[in-house]
Amino acid sequence: MLVAGFDKFDRTAIKNEIINHLKLFPKDTIEHCKDYTKHELERFMGYNILNFYTTNPKNKKVSLIINKGDKVYYRNIEKN
């Protein structure tokens, strides 16, 4: 399900949309993707996954998911 779409890259708008959605639905995981332009579609297919976000189960903060080997780490993206 598409949570939000943006015509231009706007870091703060994307971050705010991720935080707002995960505050309303804390059990969700968000996949941050980039769609290719028409010119890029000649070389590539589909979309490019950039990051995954979820609510950290330990401190209930919206966080970036980082996988290293078999371990999962969370980096807070909310303001403290």
C-alpha atoms as a PDB file:
ATOM      1  CA  MET A   1       0.000   0.000   0.000  1.00  0.00           C
ATOM      2  CA  LEU A   2       1.360   3.415  -0.943  1.00  0.00           C
ATOM      3  CA  VAL A   3       1.636   5.696   2.094  1.00  0.00           C
ATOM      4  CA  ALA A   4       2.757   8.861   0.278  1.00  0.00           C
ATOM      5  CA  GLY A   5       4.124   9.936  -3.089  1.00  0.00           C
ATOM      6  CA  PHE A   6       6.319  12.908  -3.904  1.00  0.00           C
ATOM      7  CA  ASP A   7       7.087  14.553  -7.260  1.00  0.00           C
ATOM      8  CA  LYS A   8      10.391  15.983  -6.038  1.00  0.00           C
ATOM      9  CA  PHE A   9      12.855  14.792  -3.428  1.00  0.00           C
ATOM     10  CA  ASP A  10      12.110  16.644  -0.178  1.00  0.00           C
ATOM     11  CA  ARG A  11      13.956  15.121   2.762  1.00  0.00           C
ATOM     12  CA  THR A  12      11.901  16.759   5.522  1.00  0.00           C
ATOM     13  CA  ALA A  13       8.541  16.005   3.893  1.00  0.00           C
ATOM     14  CA  ILE A  14       9.462  12.334   3.418  1.00  0.00           C
ATOM     15  CA  LYS A  15      10.768  12.034   6.971  1.00  0.00           C
ATOM     16  CA  ASN A  16       7.661  13.726   8.425  1.00  0.00           C
ATOM     17  CA  GLU A  17       5.347  11.446   6.430  1.00  0.00           C
ATOM     18  CA  ILE A  18       7.192   8.335   7.665  1.00  0.00           C
ATOM     19  CA  ILE A  19       7.048   9.520  11.288  1.00  0.00           C
ATOM     20  CA  ASN A  20       3.358  10.491  11.083  1.00  0.00           C
ATOM     21  CA  HIS A  21       2.349   7.155   9.559  1.00  0.00           C
ATOM     22  CA  LEU A  22       4.304   5.083  12.068  1.00  0.00           C
ATOM     23  CA  LYS A  23       2.893   7.103  14.975  1.00  0.00           C
ATOM     24  CA  LEU A  24      -0.624   6.186  13.788  1.00  0.00           C
ATOM     25  CA  PHE A  25       0.261   2.569  12.897  1.00  0.00           C
ATOM     26  CA  PRO A  26       3.222   1.517  15.108  1.00  0.00           C
ATOM     27  CA  LYS A  27       3.178  -2.134  13.981  1.00  0.00           C
ATOM     28  CA  ASP A  28       3.768  -1.245  10.311  1.00  0.00           C
ATOM     29  CA  THR A  29       7.065  -1.382   8.452  1.00  0.00           C
ATOM     30  CA  ILE A  30       7.637   1.216   5.740  1.00  0.00           C
ATOM     31  CA  GLU A  31       9.643   0.494   2.625  1.00  0.00           C
ATOM     32  CA  HIS A  32      11.194   3.713   1.240  1.00  0.00           C
ATOM     33  CA  CYS A  33      11.477   3.359  -2.549  1.00  0.00           C
ATOM     34  CA  LYS A  34      12.504   5.467  -5.524  1.00  0.00           C
ATOM     35  CA  ASP A  35      10.622   5.181  -8.800  1.00  0.00           C
ATOM     36  CA  TYR A  36      12.623   5.493 -11.986  1.00  0.00           C
ATOM     37  CA  THR A  37      12.018   8.298 -14.484  1.00  0.00           C
ATOM     38  CA  LYS A  38      10.917   7.481 -18.034  1.00  0.00           C
ATOM     39  CA  HIS A  39      14.495   7.858 -19.235  1.00  0.00           C
ATOM     40  CA  GLU A  40      15.829   5.526 -16.516  1.00  0.00           C
ATOM     41  CA  LEU A  41      13.143   2.920 -17.288  1.00  0.00           C
ATOM     42  CA  GLU A  42      14.942   2.245 -20.564  1.00  0.00           C
ATOM     43  CA  ARG A  43      17.841   0.837 -18.508  1.00  0.00           C
ATOM     44  CA  PHE A  44      16.155  -0.382 -15.321  1.00  0.00           C
ATOM     45  CA  MET A  45      12.895  -2.055 -14.305  1.00  0.00           C
ATOM     46  CA  GLY A  46      10.732  -1.720 -11.201  1.00  0.00           C
ATOM     47  CA  TYR A  47      11.831   0.511  -8.357  1.00  0.00           C
ATOM     48  CA  ASN A  48      14.809   0.970  -6.070  1.00  0.00           C
ATOM     49  CA  ILE A  49      14.420   0.185  -2.335  1.00  0.00           C
ATOM     50  CA  LEU A  50      16.315   2.764  -0.284  1.00  0.00           C
ATOM     51  CA  ASN A  51      15.507   1.968   3.369  1.00  0.00           C
ATOM     52  CA  PHE A  52      13.087   0.310   5.770  1.00  0.00           C
ATOM     53  CA  TYR A  53      11.531   2.057   8.794  1.00  0.00           C
ATOM     54  CA  THR A  54       9.566   0.798  11.797  1.00  0.00           C
ATOM     55  CA  THR A  55       8.872   1.565  15.440  1.00  0.00           C
ATOM     56  CA  ASN A  56      11.693   0.387  17.714  1.00  0.00           C
ATOM     57  CA  PRO A  57      10.142  -2.226  20.055  1.00  0.00           C
ATOM     58  CA  LYS A  58      12.392  -1.186  22.967  1.00  0.00           C
ATOM     59  CA  ASN A  59      11.848   2.595  23.119  1.00  0.00           C
ATOM     60  CA  LYS A  60       8.780   3.049  20.835  1.00  0.00           C
ATOM     61  CA  LYS A  61      10.596   5.608  18.615  1.00  0.00           C
ATOM     62  CA  VAL A  62      10.321   5.678  14.823  1.00  0.00           C
ATOM     63  CA  SER A  63      13.604   4.244  13.564  1.00  0.00           C
ATOM     64  CA  LEU A  64      15.596   3.228  10.516  1.00  0.00           C
ATOM     65  CA  ILE A  65      16.146  -0.546  10.371  1.00  0.00           C
ATOM     66  CA  ILE A  66      19.787  -1.584   9.921  1.00  0.00           C
ATOM     67  CA  ASN A  67      20.586  -5.265   9.272  1.00  0.00           C
ATOM     68  CA  LYS A  68      24.163  -6.437   9.844  1.00  0.00           C
ATOM     69  CA  GLY A  69      24.597 -10.147   9.451  1.00  0.00           C
ATOM     70  CA  ASP A  70      21.940 -11.788  11.599  1.00  0.00           C
ATOM     71  CA  LYS A  71      21.511  -8.771  13.908  1.00  0.00           C
ATOM     72  CA  VAL A  72      18.963  -5.956  13.620  1.00  0.00           C
ATOM     73  CA  TYR A  73      19.785  -2.437  14.789  1.00  0.00           C
ATOM     74  CA  TYR A  74      17.531   0.623  15.012  1.00  0.00           C
ATOM     75  CA  ARG A  75      18.581   4.245  14.451  1.00  0.00           C
ATOM     76  CA  ASN A  76      16.163   6.845  15.774  1.00  0.00           C
ATOM     77  CA  ILE A  77      14.928   9.361  13.154  1.00  0.00           C
ATOM     78  CA  GLU A  78      12.693  11.356  15.509  1.00  0.00           C
ATOM     79  CA  LYS A  79      13.797  14.505  17.253  1.00  0.00           C
ATOM     80  CA  ASN A  80      14.543  13.765  20.917  1.00  0.00           C
END
